[in-house]
Amino acid sequence: MNWVAIGSSNLAAVSYDRDRSILYVQFRNGHDYVYYDVPSDMYYRLLDAPSRGAFFNKNIARHFHYARL
């Protein structure tokens, strides 16, 4: 799994499993989560967002099923 460091006050890094549409998120507080059924375009939009934390909160958090790892 390839992690991408995120320049955000809340998010530390993300990784995406395209075959299973799973987004992995490492938060700066040390918690890791997995988000299910996240479309690949949502992952790329997150990476391209000027504020990745704001994009995550608005478009991913609480919009997809998730679990803490």
PDB file of N, CA and C in Angstrom:
ATOM      1  N   MET A   1       0.851  -1.169   0.000  1.00  0.00           N
ATOM      2  CA  MET A   1       0.000   0.000   0.000  1.00  0.00           C
ATOM      3  C   MET A   1       0.901   1.236   0.000  1.00  0.00           C
ATOM      4  N   ASN A   2       0.607   2.154  -0.901  1.00  0.00           N
ATOM      5  CA  ASN A   2       1.378   3.389  -1.002  1.00  0.00           C
ATOM      6  C   ASN A   2       0.640   4.510  -0.286  1.00  0.00           C
ATOM      7  N   TRP A   3       1.287   5.088   0.713  1.00  0.00           N
ATOM      8  CA  TRP A   3       0.705   6.195   1.454  1.00  0.00           C
ATOM      9  C   TRP A   3       1.159   7.512   0.845  1.00  0.00           C
ATOM     10  N   VAL A   4       0.236   8.465   0.808  1.00  0.00           N
ATOM     11  CA  VAL A   4       0.527   9.807   0.321  1.00  0.00           C
ATOM     12  C   VAL A   4       0.419  10.755   1.510  1.00  0.00           C
ATOM     13  N   ALA A   5       1.498  11.431   1.827  1.00  0.00           N
ATOM     14  CA  ALA A   5       1.477  12.404   2.914  1.00  0.00           C
ATOM     15  C   ALA A   5       0.566  13.564   2.537  1.00  0.00           C
ATOM     16  N   ILE A   6      -0.221  14.007   3.498  1.00  0.00           N
ATOM     17  CA  ILE A   6      -1.195  15.071   3.277  1.00  0.00           C
ATOM     18  C   ILE A   6      -0.799  16.284   4.110  1.00  0.00           C
ATOM     19  N   GLY A   7      -0.717  17.428   3.472  1.00  0.00           N
ATOM     20  CA  GLY A   7      -0.414  18.666   4.189  1.00  0.00           C
ATOM     21  C   GLY A   7      -1.679  19.238   4.799  1.00  0.00           C
ATOM     22  N   SER A   8      -2.071  18.682   5.926  1.00  0.00           N
ATOM     23  CA  SER A   8      -3.316  19.099   6.574  1.00  0.00           C
ATOM     24  C   SER A   8      -3.091  19.097   8.080  1.00  0.00           C
ATOM     25  N   SER A   9      -3.806  19.958   8.777  1.00  0.00           N
ATOM     26  CA  SER A   9      -3.684  19.984  10.235  1.00  0.00           C
ATOM     27  C   SER A   9      -4.366  18.778  10.877  1.00  0.00           C
ATOM     28  N   ASN A  10      -5.263  18.112  10.148  1.00  0.00           N
ATOM     29  CA  ASN A  10      -6.005  16.972  10.682  1.00  0.00           C
ATOM     30  C   ASN A  10      -5.573  15.637  10.074  1.00  0.00           C
ATOM     31  N   LEU A  11      -5.292  15.615   8.782  1.00  0.00           N
ATOM     32  CA  LEU A  11      -4.938  14.382   8.081  1.00  0.00           C
ATOM     33  C   LEU A  11      -3.428  14.269   7.940  1.00  0.00           C
ATOM     34  N   ALA A  12      -2.897  13.063   8.214  1.00  0.00           N
ATOM     35  CA  ALA A  12      -1.457  12.836   8.064  1.00  0.00           C
ATOM     36  C   ALA A  12      -1.137  12.209   6.713  1.00  0.00           C
ATOM     37  N   ALA A  13      -1.914  11.174   6.323  1.00  0.00           N
ATOM     38  CA  ALA A  13      -1.637  10.458   5.073  1.00  0.00           C
ATOM     39  C   ALA A  13      -2.884   9.703   4.631  1.00  0.00           C
ATOM     40  N   VAL A  14      -2.935   9.397   3.338  1.00  0.00           N
ATOM     41  CA  VAL A  14      -4.030   8.601   2.782  1.00  0.00           C
ATOM     42  C   VAL A  14      -3.457   7.564   1.821  1.00  0.00           C
ATOM     43  N   SER A  15      -4.229   6.504   1.625  1.00  0.00           N
ATOM     44  CA  SER A  15      -3.905   5.488   0.636  1.00  0.00           C
ATOM     45  C   SER A  15      -5.223   5.006   0.051  1.00  0.00           C
ATOM     46  N   TYR A  16      -5.172   4.519  -1.179  1.00  0.00           N
ATOM     47  CA  TYR A  16      -6.408   4.107  -1.846  1.00  0.00           C
ATOM     48  C   TYR A  16      -6.219   2.758  -2.520  1.00  0.00           C
ATOM     49  N   ASP A  17      -7.146   1.854  -2.275  1.00  0.00           N
ATOM     50  CA  ASP A  17      -7.176   0.546  -2.927  1.00  0.00           C
ATOM     51  C   ASP A  17      -8.227   0.623  -4.029  1.00  0.00           C
ATOM     52  N   ARG A  18      -7.767   0.803  -5.257  1.00  0.00           N
ATOM     53  CA  ARG A  18      -8.663   0.994  -6.398  1.00  0.00           C
ATOM     54  C   ARG A  18      -9.523  -0.251  -6.658  1.00  0.00           C
ATOM     55  N   ASP A  19      -8.960  -1.438  -6.489  1.00  0.00           N
ATOM     56  CA  ASP A  19      -9.705  -2.671  -6.760  1.00  0.00           C
ATOM     57  C   ASP A  19     -10.895  -2.857  -5.824  1.00  0.00           C
ATOM     58  N   ARG A  20     -10.756  -2.372  -4.590  1.00  0.00           N
ATOM     59  CA  ARG A  20     -11.832  -2.551  -3.604  1.00  0.00           C
ATOM     60  C   ARG A  20     -12.537  -1.246  -3.238  1.00  0.00           C
ATOM     61  N   SER A  21     -12.134  -0.135  -3.849  1.00  0.00           N
ATOM     62  CA  SER A  21     -12.719   1.188  -3.584  1.00  0.00           C
ATOM     63  C   SER A  21     -12.669   1.532  -2.097  1.00  0.00           C
ATOM     64  N   ILE A  22     -11.495   1.320  -1.513  1.00  0.00           N
ATOM     65  CA  ILE A  22     -11.305   1.586  -0.089  1.00  0.00           C
ATOM     66  C   ILE A  22     -10.281   2.705   0.085  1.00  0.00           C
ATOM     67  N   LEU A  23     -10.655   3.687   0.878  1.00  0.00           N
ATOM     68  CA  LEU A  23      -9.771   4.783   1.231  1.00  0.00           C
ATOM     69  C   LEU A  23      -9.279   4.575   2.659  1.00  0.00           C
ATOM     70  N   TYR A  24      -7.969   4.591   2.829  1.00  0.00           N
ATOM     71  CA  TYR A  24      -7.362   4.489   4.151  1.00  0.00           C
ATOM     72  C   TYR A  24      -6.899   5.873   4.562  1.00  0.00           C
ATOM     73  N   VAL A  25      -7.175   6.248   5.793  1.00  0.00           N
ATOM     74  CA  VAL A  25      -6.831   7.585   6.266  1.00  0.00           C
ATOM     75  C   VAL A  25      -6.092   7.478   7.596  1.00  0.00           C
ATOM     76  N   GLN A  26      -4.947   8.121   7.669  1.00  0.00           N
ATOM     77  CA  GLN A  26      -4.214   8.264   8.925  1.00  0.00           C
ATOM     78  C   GLN A  26      -4.403   9.701   9.397  1.00  0.00           C
ATOM     79  N   PHE A  27      -4.926   9.838  10.600  1.00  0.00           N
ATOM     80  CA  PHE A  27      -5.126  11.161  11.178  1.00  0.00           C
ATOM     81  C   PHE A  27      -3.916  11.544  12.021  1.00  0.00           C
ATOM     82  N   ARG A  28      -3.707  12.817  12.173  1.00  0.00           N
ATOM     83  CA  ARG A  28      -2.570  13.311  12.958  1.00  0.00           C
ATOM     84  C   ARG A  28      -2.687  12.938  14.435  1.00  0.00           C
ATOM     85  N   ASN A  29      -3.878  12.623  14.899  1.00  0.00           N
ATOM     86  CA  ASN A  29      -4.048  12.228  16.299  1.00  0.00           C
ATOM     87  C   ASN A  29      -3.654  10.768  16.538  1.00  0.00           C
ATOM     88  N   GLY A  30      -3.194  10.075  15.473  1.00  0.00           N
ATOM     89  CA  GLY A  30      -2.748   8.704  15.606  1.00  0.00           C
ATOM     90  C   GLY A  30      -3.784   7.655  15.262  1.00  0.00           C
ATOM     91  N   HIS A  31      -5.017   8.049  14.997  1.00  0.00           N
ATOM     92  CA  HIS A  31      -6.069   7.103  14.643  1.00  0.00           C
ATOM     93  C   HIS A  31      -6.067   6.833  13.137  1.00  0.00           C
ATOM     94  N   ASP A  32      -6.292   5.580  12.785  1.00  0.00           N
ATOM     95  CA  ASP A  32      -6.379   5.172  11.380  1.00  0.00           C
ATOM     96  C   ASP A  32      -7.782   4.663  11.101  1.00  0.00           C
ATOM     97  N   TYR A  33      -8.330   5.053   9.949  1.00  0.00           N
ATOM     98  CA  TYR A  33      -9.673   4.639   9.561  1.00  0.00           C
ATOM     99  C   TYR A  33      -9.660   4.114   8.131  1.00  0.00           C
ATOM    100  N   VAL A  34     -10.656   3.303   7.829  1.00  0.00           N
ATOM    101  CA  VAL A  34     -10.874   2.820   6.477  1.00  0.00           C
ATOM    102  C   VAL A  34     -12.278   3.258   6.067  1.00  0.00           C
ATOM    103  N   TYR A  35     -12.417   3.769   4.854  1.00  0.00           N
ATOM    104  CA  TYR A  35     -13.700   4.223   4.304  1.00  0.00           C
ATOM    105  C   TYR A  35     -14.021   3.363   3.092  1.00  0.00           C
ATOM    106  N   TYR A  36     -15.223   2.787   3.093  1.00  0.00           N
ATOM    107  CA  TYR A  36     -15.622   1.817   2.075  1.00  0.00           C
ATOM    108  C   TYR A  36     -16.418   2.452   0.940  1.00  0.00           C
ATOM    109  N   ASP A  37     -16.295   1.868  -0.246  1.00  0.00           N
ATOM    110  CA  ASP A  37     -17.060   2.265  -1.435  1.00  0.00           C
ATOM    111  C   ASP A  37     -16.813   3.716  -1.836  1.00  0.00           C
ATOM    112  N   VAL A  38     -15.597   4.164  -1.667  1.00  0.00           N
ATOM    113  CA  VAL A  38     -15.223   5.520  -2.060  1.00  0.00           C
ATOM    114  C   VAL A  38     -14.783   5.474  -3.534  1.00  0.00           C
ATOM    115  N   PRO A  39     -15.470   6.206  -4.410  1.00  0.00           N
ATOM    116  CA  PRO A  39     -15.089   6.198  -5.831  1.00  0.00           C
ATOM    117  C   PRO A  39     -13.685   6.773  -6.026  1.00  0.00           C
ATOM    118  N   SER A  40     -13.001   6.287  -7.034  1.00  0.00           N
ATOM    119  CA  SER A  40     -11.628   6.738  -7.275  1.00  0.00           C
ATOM    120  C   SER A  40     -11.565   8.238  -7.556  1.00  0.00           C
ATOM    121  N   ASP A  41     -12.575   8.788  -8.222  1.00  0.00           N
ATOM    122  CA  ASP A  41     -12.540  10.227  -8.499  1.00  0.00           C
ATOM    123  C   ASP A  41     -12.586  11.038  -7.207  1.00  0.00           C
ATOM    124  N   MET A  42     -13.244  10.513  -6.173  1.00  0.00           N
ATOM    125  CA  MET A  42     -13.292  11.207  -4.882  1.00  0.00           C
ATOM    126  C   MET A  42     -11.892  11.240  -4.259  1.00  0.00           C
ATOM    127  N   TYR A  43     -11.164  10.137  -4.395  1.00  0.00           N
ATOM    128  CA  TYR A  43      -9.782  10.088  -3.885  1.00  0.00           C
ATOM    129  C   TYR A  43      -8.919  11.121  -4.610  1.00  0.00           C
ATOM    130  N   TYR A  44      -9.005  11.179  -5.927  1.00  0.00           N
ATOM    131  CA  TYR A  44      -8.175  12.129  -6.681  1.00  0.00           C
ATOM    132  C   TYR A  44      -8.605  13.579  -6.430  1.00  0.00           C
ATOM    133  N   ARG A  45      -9.887  13.793  -6.224  1.00  0.00           N
ATOM    134  CA  ARG A  45     -10.353  15.135  -5.869  1.00  0.00           C
ATOM    135  C   ARG A  45      -9.800  15.547  -4.501  1.00  0.00           C
ATOM    136  N   LEU A  46      -9.721  14.584  -3.577  1.00  0.00           N
ATOM    137  CA  LEU A  46      -9.133  14.865  -2.266  1.00  0.00           C
ATOM    138  C   LEU A  46      -7.674  15.294  -2.420  1.00  0.00           C
ATOM    139  N   LEU A  47      -6.922  14.563  -3.214  1.00  0.00           N
ATOM    140  CA  LEU A  47      -5.512  14.900  -3.416  1.00  0.00           C
ATOM    141  C   LEU A  47      -5.325  16.256  -4.079  1.00  0.00           C
ATOM    142  N   ASP A  48      -6.254  16.659  -4.953  1.00  0.00           N
ATOM    143  CA  ASP A  48      -6.144  17.923  -5.678  1.00  0.00           C
ATOM    144  C   ASP A  48      -6.755  19.118  -4.945  1.00  0.00           C
ATOM    145  N   ALA A  49      -7.444  18.868  -3.854  1.00  0.00           N
ATOM    146  CA  ALA A  49      -8.156  19.943  -3.153  1.00  0.00           C
ATOM    147  C   ALA A  49      -7.176  20.935  -2.525  1.00  0.00           C
ATOM    148  N   PRO A  50      -7.480  22.227  -2.588  1.00  0.00           N
ATOM    149  CA  PRO A  50      -6.613  23.229  -1.963  1.00  0.00           C
ATOM    150  C   PRO A  50      -6.562  23.062  -0.445  1.00  0.00           C
ATOM    151  N   SER A  51      -7.669  22.636   0.150  1.00  0.00           N
ATOM    152  CA  SER A  51      -7.715  22.323   1.575  1.00  0.00           C
ATOM    153  C   SER A  51      -8.201  20.880   1.701  1.00  0.00           C
ATOM    154  N   ARG A  52      -7.261  19.982   1.841  1.00  0.00           N
ATOM    155  CA  ARG A  52      -7.613  18.561   1.876  1.00  0.00           C
ATOM    156  C   ARG A  52      -8.435  18.199   3.093  1.00  0.00           C
ATOM    157  N   GLY A  53      -8.148  18.806   4.226  1.00  0.00           N
ATOM    158  CA  GLY A  53      -8.933  18.540   5.433  1.00  0.00           C
ATOM    159  C   GLY A  53     -10.379  18.985   5.272  1.00  0.00           C
ATOM    160  N   ALA A  54     -10.575  20.170   4.707  1.00  0.00           N
ATOM    161  CA  ALA A  54     -11.927  20.675   4.489  1.00  0.00           C
ATOM    162  C   ALA A  54     -12.669  19.810   3.475  1.00  0.00           C
ATOM    163  N   PHE A  55     -11.983  19.396   2.412  1.00  0.00           N
ATOM    164  CA  PHE A  55     -12.614  18.524   1.421  1.00  0.00           C
ATOM    165  C   PHE A  55     -13.021  17.203   2.051  1.00  0.00           C
ATOM    166  N   PHE A  56     -12.125  16.620   2.838  1.00  0.00           N
ATOM    167  CA  PHE A  56     -12.429  15.364   3.510  1.00  0.00           C
ATOM    168  C   PHE A  56     -13.658  15.506   4.404  1.00  0.00           C
ATOM    169  N   ASN A  57     -13.680  16.547   5.216  1.00  0.00           N
ATOM    170  CA  ASN A  57     -14.809  16.744   6.137  1.00  0.00           C
ATOM    171  C   ASN A  57     -16.123  16.960   5.399  1.00  0.00           C
ATOM    172  N   LYS A  58     -16.091  17.675   4.297  1.00  0.00           N
ATOM    173  CA  LYS A  58     -17.316  17.993   3.566  1.00  0.00           C
ATOM    174  C   LYS A  58     -17.801  16.844   2.684  1.00  0.00           C
ATOM    175  N   ASN A  59     -16.882  16.076   2.085  1.00  0.00           N
ATOM    176  CA  ASN A  59     -17.267  15.124   1.041  1.00  0.00           C
ATOM    177  C   ASN A  59     -17.061  13.646   1.375  1.00  0.00           C
ATOM    178  N   ILE A  60     -16.292  13.344   2.409  1.00  0.00           N
ATOM    179  CA  ILE A  60     -15.998  11.942   2.705  1.00  0.00           C
ATOM    180  C   ILE A  60     -16.455  11.541   4.105  1.00  0.00           C
ATOM    181  N   ALA A  61     -16.025  12.279   5.101  1.00  0.00           N
ATOM    182  CA  ALA A  61     -16.395  11.951   6.482  1.00  0.00           C
ATOM    183  C   ALA A  61     -17.916  11.919   6.620  1.00  0.00           C
ATOM    184  N   ARG A  62     -18.412  10.887   7.214  1.00  0.00           N
ATOM    185  CA  ARG A  62     -19.850  10.685   7.466  1.00  0.00           C
ATOM    186  C   ARG A  62     -20.681  10.494   6.202  1.00  0.00           C
ATOM    187  N   HIS A  63     -20.031  10.415   5.031  1.00  0.00           N
ATOM    188  CA  HIS A  63     -20.755  10.145   3.793  1.00  0.00           C
ATOM    189  C   HIS A  63     -20.552   8.704   3.318  1.00  0.00           C
ATOM    190  N   PHE A  64     -19.541   8.045   3.856  1.00  0.00           N
ATOM    191  CA  PHE A  64     -19.237   6.677   3.495  1.00  0.00           C
ATOM    192  C   PHE A  64     -19.145   5.840   4.765  1.00  0.00           C
ATOM    193  N   HIS A  65     -19.472   4.554   4.642  1.00  0.00           N
ATOM    194  CA  HIS A  65     -19.292   3.656   5.781  1.00  0.00           C
ATOM    195  C   HIS A  65     -17.817   3.594   6.110  1.00  0.00           C
ATOM    196  N   TYR A  66     -17.524   3.541   7.390  1.00  0.00           N
ATOM    197  CA  TYR A  66     -16.119   3.553   7.809  1.00  0.00           C
ATOM    198  C   TYR A  66     -15.927   2.706   9.057  1.00  0.00           C
ATOM    199  N   ALA A  67     -14.684   2.405   9.346  1.00  0.00           N
ATOM    200  CA  ALA A  67     -14.339   1.660  10.547  1.00  0.00           C
ATOM    201  C   ALA A  67     -12.958   2.123  10.998  1.00  0.00           C
ATOM    202  N   ARG A  68     -12.770   2.113  12.295  1.00  0.00           N
ATOM    203  CA  ARG A  68     -11.458   2.434  12.838  1.00  0.00           C
ATOM    204  C   ARG A  68     -10.589   1.180  12.790  1.00  0.00           C
ATOM    205  N   LEU A  69      -9.347   1.360  12.389  1.00  0.00           N
ATOM    206  CA  LEU A  69      -8.419   0.235  12.331  1.00  0.00           C
ATOM    207  C   LEU A  69      -7.688   0.073  13.647  1.00  0.00           C
TER     208      LEU A  69
END
